């Protein structure tokens, strides 16, 4: 068997097995050494290939696709520093449990560490952040089944337990062009390797009953649902909360604030309420049952730290791990969250339990909601920008939320709605890089998608807009432009005016209209609420890139938020107590 035949069968069987195992998308960045993989993916009818010139943006684009679909997406790049540009997205994929299959082309072994051009050490280059890494053998006679087995394992490793990225490194010798007409290429008579089957972890009957008995002894319980993407959890957890008669703190990324499930126990304004030391002291629960990752609200984290000794904490996770960044003592329940809710519900009668504890949380939440949604001021602000955006979001759409202040403003100002809206963000490593590309990846399936982010985050990923132009992906981007990093205004360094603007405020002073024009998008800069609502309404009908730039002031940013929190505290503490 000659070189070309060995190379061809090696890459065709590898790619074909990925397709058989469920990989439907690959994002390719151009390069020479990756030619065998790039051409083979382009030839395969069951895998759609997307070409992105910038590897950093390409990796985040793939991340967004995998986040939206819940299935592995492949990445292909050439050798050298191209692969290093994947690093930020690989880190985010690891911490947010998103399956990526990273395929890096490499020089053959004889060209490594001898000064060959475009050759760096790519062995295990992502370290801890790749769940599994393998430096593959060179394509040689009859080792195409070896390639197929590793393709099957790559998908299984990406999906197994803690979902995440895997990395396969491919050394290729020249010539690099496969011959797809060769007999024995593709699947041929070879049997594909079936995907491994995994069951759901479930508590034993006795363990579930014991947990129920512990919870039933306490009157003041609390369910907390942090960032998670399983749409079936909403019905299961709200049903459990109704039977227990306890409130549910619903993070904006919990998928509980949107949809048609019962929301009577949902508390959206816990972050604003707990800003008050007095309210926090009055409303300490006896136990917390938490699903998903830690909520966005830092106020919640500090609250449970302060009252750790008075609260029994339980963290539910379908993966064995220790996701408890507050550092409180917790009991870990490693089981499928939906199955756990259903198992606990078996010990309770059907129907809704109404307790004074739940009623008080509901009353507080309604008072807080009224204050947070109180009519907007004349000047634009982040809070009402979120409120009007929530009203304008279409049903059956995706809302992608940027980090830093946008996710915190969504936490504070996005209230429950019956609209079916998937709310997602890059909350694994919480970075502001790659957000545009991730949102575009999420929008690539054609579902209407809206992105909210700040001007600094928008600047970080301008290259990502190229994919919107190239593939005509419709995306509405709302940019909160306060000419710098607004979140730093809340930190102690804001009191040092001598260096604050240069080191932290970092005003961009850029005309974003020119950037959007370069990528053939539609741009509208708004200065009034009427202009903003009109722009949102118009964007919902667009089938192209639309950027709405909302001009706000960092000078008013902190005062606006603090006045809202003070209003919430006053409304709750000055209420007429029926007791």
Protein backbone atom coordinates (compact mmCIF):
# COMPACT_ATOMS: atom_id res chain seq x y z
CA UNK A 1 0.00 0.00 0.00
CA UNK A 2 1.48 3.33 -1.07
CA UNK A 3 1.51 6.58 0.89
CA UNK A 4 -1.52 8.14 -0.79
CA UNK A 5 -3.67 5.05 -0.30
CA UNK A 6 -2.67 4.75 3.37
CA UNK A 7 -3.33 8.46 3.97
CA UNK A 8 -6.69 8.31 2.19
CA UNK A 9 -8.07 5.31 4.04
CA UNK A 10 -6.76 6.68 7.34
CA UNK A 11 -8.54 10.05 7.11
CA UNK A 12 -11.71 8.83 5.36
CA UNK A 13 -12.33 6.15 7.96
CA UNK A 14 -11.61 8.58 10.78
CA UNK A 15 -14.03 11.23 9.46
CA UNK A 16 -16.65 8.65 8.52
CA UNK A 17 -16.60 7.24 12.04
CA UNK A 18 -17.07 10.72 13.53
CA UNK A 19 -20.13 11.12 11.31
CA UNK A 20 -21.45 7.70 12.30
CA UNK A 21 -20.96 8.62 15.97
CA UNK A 22 -23.09 11.73 15.59
CA UNK A 23 -20.75 14.59 14.65
CA UNK A 24 -22.66 16.80 12.21
CA UNK A 25 -20.54 19.97 12.11
CA UNK A 26 -16.87 20.80 11.72
CA UNK A 27 -15.26 24.24 11.81
CA UNK A 28 -12.12 24.40 9.68
CA UNK A 29 -9.44 27.07 9.58
CA UNK A 30 -7.32 27.04 6.42
CA UNK A 31 -3.78 25.68 6.42
CA UNK A 32 -1.51 23.33 4.52
CA UNK A 33 -0.66 20.56 6.97
CA UNK A 34 -4.35 20.03 7.78
CA UNK A 35 -5.20 19.43 4.12
CA UNK A 36 -6.04 15.70 4.51
CA UNK A 37 -8.60 16.39 7.23
CA UNK A 38 -10.03 19.54 5.65
CA UNK A 39 -10.60 17.93 2.25
CA UNK A 40 -12.07 14.77 3.76
CA UNK A 41 -14.57 16.66 5.89
CA UNK A 42 -15.54 18.74 2.87
CA UNK A 43 -16.16 15.53 0.90
CA UNK A 44 -18.31 13.81 3.52
CA UNK A 45 -22.02 14.29 2.86
CA UNK A 46 -23.13 13.84 6.50
CA UNK A 47 -20.90 16.54 8.05
CA UNK A 48 -21.45 20.22 7.33
CA UNK A 49 -18.18 22.14 7.17
CA UNK A 50 -17.79 25.77 8.18
CA UNK A 51 -14.62 27.70 7.29
CA UNK A 52 -13.40 30.42 9.65
CA UNK A 53 -10.16 32.28 8.99
CA UNK A 54 -9.41 33.13 12.63
CA UNK A 55 -8.73 30.07 14.79
CA UNK A 56 -9.60 31.86 18.03
CA UNK A 57 -13.00 32.90 16.72
CA UNK A 58 -13.43 29.54 14.98
CA UNK A 59 -13.10 27.69 18.28
CA UNK A 60 -15.68 29.89 19.99
CA UNK A 61 -17.99 29.50 16.98
CA UNK A 62 -17.76 25.72 17.37
CA UNK A 63 -18.36 26.13 21.09
CA UNK A 64 -21.60 28.01 20.37
CA UNK A 65 -22.78 25.33 17.97
CA UNK A 66 -22.08 22.57 20.49
CA UNK A 67 -23.71 24.59 23.27
CA UNK A 68 -26.86 25.06 21.20
CA UNK A 69 -27.10 21.50 19.85
CA UNK A 70 -25.74 19.58 22.86
CA UNK A 71 -23.66 17.40 20.53
CA UNK A 72 -19.92 17.36 19.77
CA UNK A 73 -18.57 19.73 17.12
CA UNK A 74 -15.17 19.14 15.50
CA UNK A 75 -12.42 21.72 14.96
CA UNK A 76 -9.62 21.43 12.40
CA UNK A 77 -6.50 23.57 12.09
CA UNK A 78 -2.96 23.37 10.78
CA UNK A 79 0.24 23.01 12.79
CA UNK A 80 2.06 25.66 14.81
CA UNK A 81 0.48 28.53 16.70
CA UNK A 82 -2.87 28.01 14.93
CA UNK A 83 -3.79 25.43 17.56
CA UNK A 84 -2.70 27.73 20.40
CA UNK A 85 -5.47 30.13 19.37
CA UNK A 86 -7.99 27.46 20.34
CA UNK A 87 -6.91 27.64 23.98
CA UNK A 88 -9.46 30.15 25.41
CA UNK A 89 -12.41 28.29 23.89
CA UNK A 90 -11.05 24.93 25.05
CA UNK A 91 -10.84 26.29 28.60
CA UNK A 92 -14.41 27.58 28.40
CA UNK A 93 -15.63 24.26 26.96
CA UNK A 94 -13.98 22.36 29.80
CA UNK A 95 -15.55 24.41 32.57
CA UNK A 96 -18.96 24.76 30.92
CA UNK A 97 -19.06 21.05 30.04
CA UNK A 98 -19.40 21.46 26.28
CA UNK A 99 -18.22 18.65 23.96
CA UNK A 100 -15.61 19.71 21.40
CA UNK A 101 -13.36 17.49 19.30
CA UNK A 102 -10.15 19.39 18.59
CA UNK A 103 -8.17 18.00 15.64
CA UNK A 104 -4.76 19.59 15.12
CA UNK A 105 -2.50 18.73 12.21
CA UNK A 106 1.21 18.36 12.99
CA UNK A 107 4.59 17.79 11.40
CA UNK A 108 5.74 14.15 11.30
CA UNK A 109 8.00 13.03 14.13
CA UNK A 110 11.24 13.55 12.23
CA UNK A 111 10.43 17.27 11.81
CA UNK A 112 9.73 17.92 15.47
CA UNK A 113 12.24 19.82 17.62
CA UNK A 114 14.73 20.23 14.76
CA UNK A 115 13.92 23.81 13.82
CA UNK A 116 11.40 22.96 11.11
CA UNK A 117 9.10 25.84 10.19
CA UNK A 118 5.62 26.03 11.72
CA UNK A 119 6.47 23.23 14.13
CA UNK A 120 5.82 23.62 17.85
CA UNK A 121 5.32 21.05 20.61
CA UNK A 122 1.63 20.21 20.26
CA UNK A 123 1.66 17.11 22.46
CA UNK A 124 -0.93 17.51 25.20
CA UNK A 125 -0.81 21.26 24.57
CA UNK A 126 -4.17 21.90 26.25
CA UNK A 127 -3.10 20.05 29.37
CA UNK A 128 -5.76 19.58 32.02
CA UNK A 129 -8.39 21.29 29.87
CA UNK A 130 -8.60 18.45 27.35
CA UNK A 131 -10.44 15.53 28.90
CA UNK A 132 -8.47 13.17 26.69
CA UNK A 133 -5.48 13.69 24.44
CA UNK A 134 -3.78 11.39 21.96
CA UNK A 135 -0.91 11.90 19.56
CA UNK A 136 -1.97 9.64 16.72
CA UNK A 137 0.23 7.35 14.70
CA UNK A 138 1.21 8.29 11.17
CA UNK A 139 -1.05 6.99 8.39
CA UNK A 140 0.51 3.69 7.40
CA UNK A 141 -0.51 0.43 5.78
CA UNK A 142 -3.65 -1.13 7.27
CA UNK A 143 -3.95 1.19 10.30
CA UNK A 144 -7.16 2.83 9.11
CA UNK A 145 -9.16 0.77 11.64
CA UNK A 146 -6.92 2.24 14.33
CA UNK A 147 -8.03 5.69 13.11
CA UNK A 148 -11.68 4.62 13.19
CA UNK A 149 -11.40 3.36 16.76
CA UNK A 150 -9.87 6.63 17.92
CA UNK A 151 -12.62 8.63 16.21
CA UNK A 152 -15.25 6.61 18.08
CA UNK A 153 -13.41 7.05 21.35
CA UNK A 154 -13.04 10.79 20.80
CA UNK A 155 -16.82 11.21 20.65
CA UNK A 156 -17.35 8.96 23.65
CA UNK A 157 -14.74 10.79 25.73
CA UNK A 158 -16.27 14.17 24.81
CA UNK A 159 -19.71 13.02 25.97
CA UNK A 160 -18.80 10.75 28.87
CA UNK A 161 -19.49 11.95 32.45
CA UNK A 162 -18.11 15.50 32.58
CA UNK A 163 -18.72 16.56 28.96
CA UNK A 164 -15.91 18.59 27.48
CA UNK A 165 -13.17 18.97 24.88
CA UNK A 166 -10.85 16.22 23.63
CA UNK A 167 -7.72 16.70 21.54
CA UNK A 168 -6.29 14.49 18.81
CA UNK A 169 -2.99 15.47 17.19
CA UNK A 170 -2.38 14.22 13.61
CA UNK A 171 1.16 13.96 12.23
CA UNK A 172 1.08 13.99 8.41
CA UNK A 173 3.86 13.51 5.88
CA UNK A 174 3.72 15.03 2.42
CA UNK A 175 2.15 14.63 -0.09
CA UNK A 176 -1.05 15.65 1.67
CA UNK A 177 -3.76 15.16 -0.97
CA UNK A 178 -6.05 12.13 -0.49
CA UNK A 179 -7.50 10.22 -3.43
CA UNK A 180 -11.20 9.79 -2.72
CA UNK A 181 -11.72 7.52 -5.72
CA UNK A 182 -9.64 4.74 -4.20
CA UNK A 183 -11.38 1.48 -3.46
CA UNK A 184 -11.80 0.96 0.29
CA UNK A 185 -12.13 4.64 1.13
CA UNK A 186 -14.99 5.72 3.38
CA UNK A 187 -17.11 3.10 5.03
CA UNK A 188 -16.87 0.36 2.44
CA UNK A 189 -17.40 -3.11 3.87
CA UNK A 190 -16.09 -2.12 7.28
CA UNK A 191 -18.57 -2.06 10.14
CA UNK A 192 -18.65 1.30 11.95
CA UNK A 193 -18.03 1.24 15.67
CA UNK A 194 -21.31 1.74 17.60
CA UNK A 195 -21.45 4.59 20.10
CA UNK A 196 -21.24 3.47 23.72
CA UNK A 197 -24.52 3.53 25.65
CA UNK A 198 -24.66 5.25 29.03
CA UNK A 199 -27.46 5.07 31.61
CA UNK A 200 -28.55 7.84 33.96
CA UNK A 201 -27.15 7.84 37.51
CA UNK A 202 -30.00 7.40 39.98
CA UNK A 203 -30.16 7.25 43.77
CA UNK A 204 -31.07 3.92 45.29
CA UNK A 205 -34.61 3.77 46.69
CA UNK A 206 -33.36 3.85 50.29
CA UNK A 207 -31.08 6.83 49.70
CA UNK A 208 -33.86 8.86 48.06
CA UNK A 209 -36.21 8.10 50.95
CA UNK A 210 -33.56 9.07 53.50
CA UNK A 211 -32.99 12.41 51.73
CA UNK A 212 -36.74 13.09 51.63
CA UNK A 213 -37.03 12.39 55.36
CA UNK A 214 -34.22 14.85 56.11
CA UNK A 215 -35.87 17.56 54.02
CA UNK A 216 -39.37 16.87 55.38
CA UNK A 217 -38.22 17.59 58.94
CA UNK A 218 -37.40 21.20 57.99
CA UNK A 219 -40.07 23.84 57.45
CA UNK A 220 -37.94 26.50 55.76
CA UNK A 221 -36.43 24.90 52.71
CA UNK A 222 -35.04 26.47 49.57
CA UNK A 223 -34.33 25.10 46.10
CA UNK A 224 -31.69 26.92 44.07
CA UNK A 225 -31.17 26.32 40.36
CA UNK A 226 -28.02 27.79 38.85
CA UNK A 227 -26.82 27.76 35.24
CA UNK A 228 -27.82 24.55 33.46
CA UNK A 229 -29.19 23.65 30.02
CA UNK A 230 -31.51 20.66 30.50
CA UNK A 231 -34.97 21.92 29.45
CA UNK A 232 -36.71 19.03 31.24
CA UNK A 233 -35.47 20.12 34.68
CA UNK A 234 -37.88 23.09 34.85
CA UNK A 235 -41.01 20.96 35.09
CA UNK A 236 -39.43 18.45 37.48
CA UNK A 237 -37.94 20.96 39.92
CA UNK A 238 -40.95 23.31 40.05
CA UNK A 239 -43.24 20.33 40.67
CA UNK A 240 -40.99 19.23 43.53
CA UNK A 241 -40.93 22.76 44.97
CA UNK A 242 -44.74 22.94 44.87
CA UNK A 243 -45.06 19.68 46.79
CA UNK A 244 -42.50 20.80 49.36
CA UNK A 245 -43.96 24.30 49.66
CA UNK A 246 -40.58 25.99 49.18
CA UNK A 247 -39.36 28.88 46.99
CA UNK A 248 -37.05 28.37 44.01
CA UNK A 249 -34.21 30.82 43.42
CA UNK A 250 -33.96 30.76 39.61
CA UNK A 251 -30.73 31.98 38.05
CA UNK A 252 -31.25 33.60 34.62
CA UNK A 253 -29.35 30.69 33.03
CA UNK A 254 -31.35 28.04 34.88
CA UNK A 255 -33.96 27.80 32.06
CA UNK A 256 -36.60 28.32 34.79
CA UNK A 257 -37.46 31.98 34.22
CA UNK A 258 -38.77 31.25 30.71
CA UNK A 259 -41.23 28.68 29.40
CA UNK A 260 -44.73 27.44 30.16
CA UNK A 261 -44.05 25.51 33.39
CA UNK A 262 -45.59 26.56 36.73
CA UNK A 263 -43.72 29.60 38.07
CA UNK A 264 -45.66 30.34 41.26
CA UNK A 265 -42.69 29.33 43.44
CA UNK A 266 -40.07 31.06 41.26
CA UNK A 267 -38.13 33.88 42.94
CA UNK A 268 -36.20 35.97 40.39
CA UNK A 269 -35.30 38.92 42.62
CA UNK A 270 -33.35 37.12 45.32
CA UNK A 271 -30.14 38.92 44.36
CA UNK A 272 -31.73 42.34 44.84
CA UNK A 273 -33.46 41.28 48.05
CA UNK A 274 -30.31 39.87 49.61
CA UNK A 275 -28.48 43.16 49.08
CA UNK A 276 -30.27 44.11 52.30
CA UNK A 277 -28.49 42.77 55.37
CA UNK A 278 -31.76 42.87 57.32
CA UNK A 279 -33.72 40.89 54.74
CA UNK A 280 -30.90 38.40 54.44
CA UNK A 281 -30.83 37.87 58.19
CA UNK A 282 -34.62 37.44 58.37
CA UNK A 283 -34.90 34.93 55.53
CA UNK A 284 -32.21 32.31 56.26
CA UNK A 285 -33.44 28.84 55.23
CA UNK A 286 -32.87 25.61 57.12
CA UNK A 287 -31.72 23.76 54.02
CA UNK A 288 -30.73 24.50 50.42
CA UNK A 289 -31.04 21.95 47.63
CA UNK A 290 -29.04 23.26 44.68
CA UNK A 291 -29.13 22.12 41.07
CA UNK A 292 -26.77 23.34 38.36
CA UNK A 293 -23.67 25.47 38.80
CA UNK A 294 -23.30 28.28 41.34
CA UNK A 295 -25.73 31.13 40.50
CA UNK A 296 -24.42 34.31 38.91
CA UNK A 297 -25.37 36.41 41.95
CA UNK A 298 -22.36 37.20 44.11
CA UNK A 299 -24.79 38.47 46.76
CA UNK A 300 -26.24 34.96 47.05
CA UNK A 301 -22.76 33.47 47.43
CA UNK A 302 -21.85 35.86 50.24
CA UNK A 303 -25.19 35.23 51.93
CA UNK A 304 -24.74 31.47 52.18
CA UNK A 305 -21.18 31.95 53.36
CA UNK A 306 -22.36 34.25 56.14
CA UNK A 307 -25.04 31.84 57.39
CA UNK A 308 -23.29 28.56 56.57
CA UNK A 309 -23.67 27.19 60.08
CA UNK A 310 -27.45 27.59 60.00
CA UNK A 311 -28.04 25.92 56.64
CA UNK A 312 -27.84 22.28 55.50
CA UNK A 313 -26.47 22.39 51.96
CA UNK A 314 -27.03 19.74 49.30
CA UNK A 315 -25.51 20.00 45.81
CA UNK A 316 -27.04 17.85 43.07
CA UNK A 317 -24.87 16.97 40.07
CA UNK A 318 -25.03 14.19 37.50
CA UNK A 319 -21.22 14.23 37.36
CA UNK A 320 -18.95 13.32 40.23
CA UNK A 321 -17.30 16.56 41.20
CA UNK A 322 -17.24 19.40 43.73
CA UNK A 323 -18.94 22.47 42.28
CA UNK A 324 -19.22 24.51 45.46
CA UNK A 325 -17.12 27.69 45.05
CA UNK A 326 -18.63 29.31 48.16
CA UNK A 327 -16.56 26.92 50.26
CA UNK A 328 -19.50 25.94 52.47
CA UNK A 329 -19.88 22.45 53.87
CA UNK A 330 -22.20 20.55 51.54
CA UNK A 331 -23.54 17.09 50.97
CA UNK A 332 -23.07 15.99 47.36
CA UNK A 333 -25.79 14.05 45.57
CA UNK A 334 -24.42 12.56 42.38
CA UNK A 335 -27.53 11.65 40.45
CA UNK A 336 -29.51 12.76 37.43
CA UNK A 337 -31.31 15.95 38.59
CA UNK A 338 -34.63 15.16 36.89
CA UNK A 339 -34.62 11.60 38.19
CA UNK A 340 -33.86 12.87 41.69
CA UNK A 341 -36.78 15.32 41.62
CA UNK A 342 -39.11 12.59 40.42
CA UNK A 343 -37.82 10.13 43.04
CA UNK A 344 -38.37 12.61 45.89
CA UNK A 345 -41.84 13.48 44.57
CA UNK A 346 -42.88 9.84 44.92
CA UNK A 347 -42.94 10.30 48.71
CA UNK A 348 -45.26 13.31 48.62
CA UNK A 349 -48.94 13.72 47.79
CA UNK A 350 -49.78 15.55 44.58
CA UNK A 351 -50.80 19.18 44.77
CA UNK A 352 -49.37 22.49 45.89
CA UNK A 353 -48.34 23.12 49.47
CA UNK A 354 -48.74 26.73 50.55
CA UNK A 355 -46.64 27.74 53.55
CA UNK A 356 -46.12 31.04 55.36
CA UNK A 357 -42.40 30.72 54.50
CA UNK A 358 -43.17 30.49 50.78
CA UNK A 359 -45.78 33.27 50.97
CA UNK A 360 -43.27 35.65 52.53
CA UNK A 361 -40.73 35.01 49.76
CA UNK A 362 -43.44 35.50 47.14
CA UNK A 363 -44.51 38.78 48.73
CA UNK A 364 -40.93 40.04 48.91
CA UNK A 365 -40.31 39.00 45.31
CA UNK A 366 -43.39 40.89 44.06
CA UNK A 367 -42.40 44.03 45.97
CA UNK A 368 -38.86 43.80 44.57
CA UNK A 369 -40.14 43.22 41.04
CA UNK A 370 -42.34 46.32 41.21
CA UNK A 371 -39.39 48.47 42.27
CA UNK A 372 -36.94 47.00 39.74
CA UNK A 373 -39.40 47.48 36.86
CA UNK A 374 -40.47 50.97 37.91
CA UNK A 375 -40.72 53.37 34.95
CA UNK A 376 -37.46 54.31 33.23
CA UNK A 377 -35.72 57.62 33.61
CA UNK A 378 -35.18 59.85 30.58
CA UNK A 379 -31.58 58.76 30.17
CA UNK A 380 -30.76 55.29 28.92
CA UNK A 381 -29.63 52.74 31.51
CA UNK A 382 -28.65 49.09 31.51
CA UNK A 383 -31.57 47.89 33.64
CA UNK A 384 -34.39 49.10 31.44
CA UNK A 385 -32.40 48.12 28.36
CA UNK A 386 -32.71 44.54 29.63
CA UNK A 387 -36.42 44.97 30.46
CA UNK A 388 -37.36 46.22 27.00
CA UNK A 389 -35.18 43.56 25.40
CA UNK A 390 -37.00 40.87 27.40
CA UNK A 391 -40.31 42.19 26.08
CA UNK A 392 -39.05 42.19 22.49
CA UNK A 393 -37.45 38.73 22.42
CA UNK A 394 -39.47 36.46 20.13
CA UNK A 395 -40.94 33.18 21.31
CA UNK A 396 -38.87 30.07 20.52
CA UNK A 397 -35.63 32.03 20.34
CA UNK A 398 -32.19 32.03 21.96
CA UNK A 399 -30.93 34.81 24.21
CA UNK A 400 -27.13 34.82 24.52
CA UNK A 401 -25.80 36.95 27.38
CA UNK A 402 -22.34 38.43 27.66
CA UNK A 403 -20.29 38.37 30.84
CA UNK A 404 -19.27 41.19 33.16
CA UNK A 405 -22.24 43.58 33.69
CA UNK A 406 -24.73 42.24 31.09
CA UNK A 407 -25.27 38.89 32.85
CA UNK A 408 -25.66 40.69 36.18
CA UNK A 409 -28.20 43.12 34.74
CA UNK A 410 -30.13 40.21 33.22
CA UNK A 411 -30.08 38.57 36.65
CA UNK A 412 -31.58 41.70 38.17
CA UNK A 413 -34.00 42.90 35.49
CA UNK A 414 -35.12 39.87 33.42
CA UNK A 415 -38.32 38.57 35.02
CA UNK A 416 -40.25 35.36 34.38
CA UNK A 417 -42.05 34.98 31.08
CA UNK A 418 -44.13 32.24 29.42
CA UNK A 419 -42.14 32.73 26.21
CA UNK A 420 -39.93 29.78 25.33
CA UNK A 421 -36.51 31.39 25.35
CA UNK A 422 -33.26 29.51 25.78
CA UNK A 423 -30.87 31.64 27.84
CA UNK A 424 -27.19 30.76 27.54
CA UNK A 425 -23.79 32.32 28.21
CA UNK A 426 -20.12 31.45 28.54
CA UNK A 427 -20.17 30.97 32.31
CA UNK A 428 -17.52 28.25 32.47
CA UNK A 429 -14.54 30.58 32.78
CA UNK A 430 -16.70 33.76 32.62
CA UNK A 431 -14.48 35.47 30.06
CA UNK A 432 -15.50 38.33 27.80
CA UNK A 433 -13.48 36.97 24.87
CA UNK A 434 -15.12 35.09 22.01
CA UNK A 435 -18.68 36.01 22.96
CA UNK A 436 -19.65 37.25 19.49
CA UNK A 437 -18.40 34.06 17.86
CA UNK A 438 -20.08 31.82 20.42
CA UNK A 439 -23.40 33.57 19.85
CA UNK A 440 -22.99 33.24 16.08
CA UNK A 441 -22.32 29.53 16.53
CA UNK A 442 -25.52 29.25 18.55
CA UNK A 443 -27.39 31.12 15.81
CA UNK A 444 -26.00 28.96 13.00
CA UNK A 445 -28.90 26.49 13.23
CA UNK A 446 -31.29 29.20 12.07
CA UNK A 447 -33.05 29.86 15.37
CA UNK A 448 -33.61 33.54 16.04
CA UNK A 449 -30.81 34.62 18.39
CA UNK A 450 -30.16 37.85 20.27
CA UNK A 451 -26.87 38.72 21.94
CA UNK A 452 -26.50 41.26 24.74
CA UNK A 453 -22.97 42.38 25.62
CA UNK A 454 -20.84 45.39 26.50
CA UNK A 455 -18.66 47.48 24.22
CA UNK A 456 -15.37 46.03 25.53
CA UNK A 457 -16.56 42.46 24.97
CA UNK A 458 -17.78 43.41 21.48
CA UNK A 459 -14.34 44.83 20.70
CA UNK A 460 -12.64 41.64 21.91
CA UNK A 461 -14.21 39.55 19.15
CA UNK A 462 -14.71 41.80 16.13
CA UNK A 463 -13.13 39.09 13.94
CA UNK A 464 -16.08 36.89 14.83
CA UNK A 465 -18.39 39.11 12.77
CA UNK A 466 -16.76 37.80 9.60
CA UNK A 467 -18.75 34.59 9.90
CA UNK A 468 -22.01 36.54 10.03
CA UNK A 469 -21.04 38.20 6.74
CA UNK A 470 -19.68 35.04 5.10
CA UNK A 471 -22.59 32.73 5.98
CA UNK A 472 -25.32 35.37 6.27
CA UNK A 473 -26.15 34.25 9.80
CA UNK A 474 -28.94 36.41 11.24
CA UNK A 475 -28.02 37.73 14.68
CA UNK A 476 -29.22 40.74 16.65
CA UNK A 477 -26.50 42.20 18.86
CA UNK A 478 -27.39 44.74 21.53
CA UNK A 479 -24.20 46.55 22.60
CA UNK A 480 -24.37 48.47 25.87
CA UNK A 481 -21.82 51.17 25.11
CA UNK A 482 -20.70 53.09 28.18
CA UNK A 483 -17.29 53.63 26.59
CA UNK A 484 -15.36 51.29 28.83
CA UNK A 485 -15.50 48.65 31.51
CA UNK A 486 -18.53 49.51 33.63
CA UNK A 487 -18.12 46.67 36.11
CA UNK A 488 -14.88 48.15 37.46
CA UNK A 489 -16.86 51.12 38.78
CA UNK A 490 -18.11 48.84 41.58
CA UNK A 491 -14.61 47.91 42.74
CA UNK A 492 -12.36 49.73 45.24
CA UNK A 493 -9.95 50.87 42.51
CA UNK A 494 -12.68 53.20 41.20
CA UNK A 495 -11.82 55.49 44.11
CA UNK A 496 -8.33 56.06 42.69
CA UNK A 497 -9.03 58.52 39.84
CA UNK A 498 -5.35 58.99 39.05
CA UNK A 499 -5.02 55.67 37.21
CA UNK A 500 -8.58 54.39 36.99
CA UNK A 501 -9.49 55.41 33.44
CA UNK A 502 -6.24 54.20 31.87
CA UNK A 503 -6.04 50.87 33.69
CA UNK A 504 -9.67 49.92 34.32
CA UNK A 505 -12.13 52.32 32.67
CA UNK A 506 -10.39 51.76 29.31
CA UNK A 507 -12.59 53.88 27.02
CA UNK A 508 -12.54 52.60 23.43
CA UNK A 509 -13.46 55.81 21.58
CA UNK A 510 -14.43 53.75 18.51
CA UNK A 511 -17.17 54.35 15.97
CA UNK A 512 -18.90 50.96 16.01
CA UNK A 513 -20.97 51.90 12.95
CA UNK A 514 -17.85 51.68 10.79
CA UNK A 515 -17.04 48.21 12.15
CA UNK A 516 -20.53 46.91 11.44
CA UNK A 517 -20.45 48.45 7.97
CA UNK A 518 -17.23 46.57 7.20
CA UNK A 519 -19.03 43.28 7.87
CA UNK A 520 -22.12 44.35 5.90
CA UNK A 521 -24.39 44.48 8.92
CA UNK A 522 -27.07 46.98 9.86
CA UNK A 523 -26.19 49.39 12.65
CA UNK A 524 -28.40 51.69 14.69
CA UNK A 525 -27.20 53.89 17.54
CA UNK A 526 -30.03 54.79 19.93
CA UNK A 527 -30.25 57.62 22.44
CA UNK A 528 -33.88 57.39 23.60
CA UNK A 529 -36.19 54.64 24.78
CA UNK A 530 -38.48 55.19 21.81
CA UNK A 531 -35.58 54.67 19.40
CA UNK A 532 -34.46 51.57 21.31
CA UNK A 533 -37.85 49.85 21.32
CA UNK A 534 -38.33 50.67 17.64
CA UNK A 535 -34.91 49.22 16.79
CA UNK A 536 -35.67 46.03 18.72
CA UNK A 537 -38.98 45.58 16.96
CA UNK A 538 -37.38 46.08 13.55
CA UNK A 539 -34.48 43.73 14.30
CA UNK A 540 -36.83 40.85 15.09
CA UNK A 541 -37.85 40.87 11.42
CA UNK A 542 -34.31 41.04 10.04
CA UNK A 543 -32.54 38.08 8.45
CA UNK A 544 -29.06 39.54 8.68
CA UNK A 545 -26.58 40.90 11.22
CA UNK A 546 -28.11 43.77 13.18
CA UNK A 547 -26.23 45.77 15.81
CA UNK A 548 -28.15 48.07 18.16
CA UNK A 549 -25.81 50.35 20.08
CA UNK A 550 -27.27 51.65 23.36
CA UNK A 551 -25.39 54.70 24.63
CA UNK A 552 -25.25 54.83 28.43
CA UNK A 553 -23.08 56.65 30.95
CA UNK A 554 -20.61 55.04 33.32
CA UNK A 555 -20.92 58.10 35.54
CA UNK A 556 -24.54 57.18 36.37
CA UNK A 557 -24.08 53.42 36.34
CA UNK A 558 -23.44 52.70 40.02
CA UNK A 559 -25.92 55.26 41.33
CA UNK A 560 -28.73 53.80 39.20
CA UNK A 561 -28.21 50.28 40.49
CA UNK A 562 -27.74 51.30 44.11
CA UNK A 563 -30.92 53.38 44.03
CA UNK A 564 -32.84 50.34 42.76
CA UNK A 565 -31.49 48.11 45.55
CA UNK A 566 -32.25 50.75 48.16
CA UNK A 567 -35.80 51.03 46.83
CA UNK A 568 -36.27 47.27 47.12
CA UNK A 569 -35.06 47.25 50.71
CA UNK A 570 -37.31 50.17 51.64
CA UNK A 571 -40.38 48.59 50.02
CA UNK A 572 -39.88 45.30 51.86
CA UNK A 573 -38.94 46.64 55.27
CA UNK A 574 -41.73 49.26 55.27
CA UNK A 575 -44.45 46.84 54.19
CA UNK A 576 -47.45 46.27 56.39
CA UNK A 577 -46.79 42.97 58.16
CA UNK A 578 -50.06 41.08 58.73
CA UNK A 579 -48.53 39.38 61.74
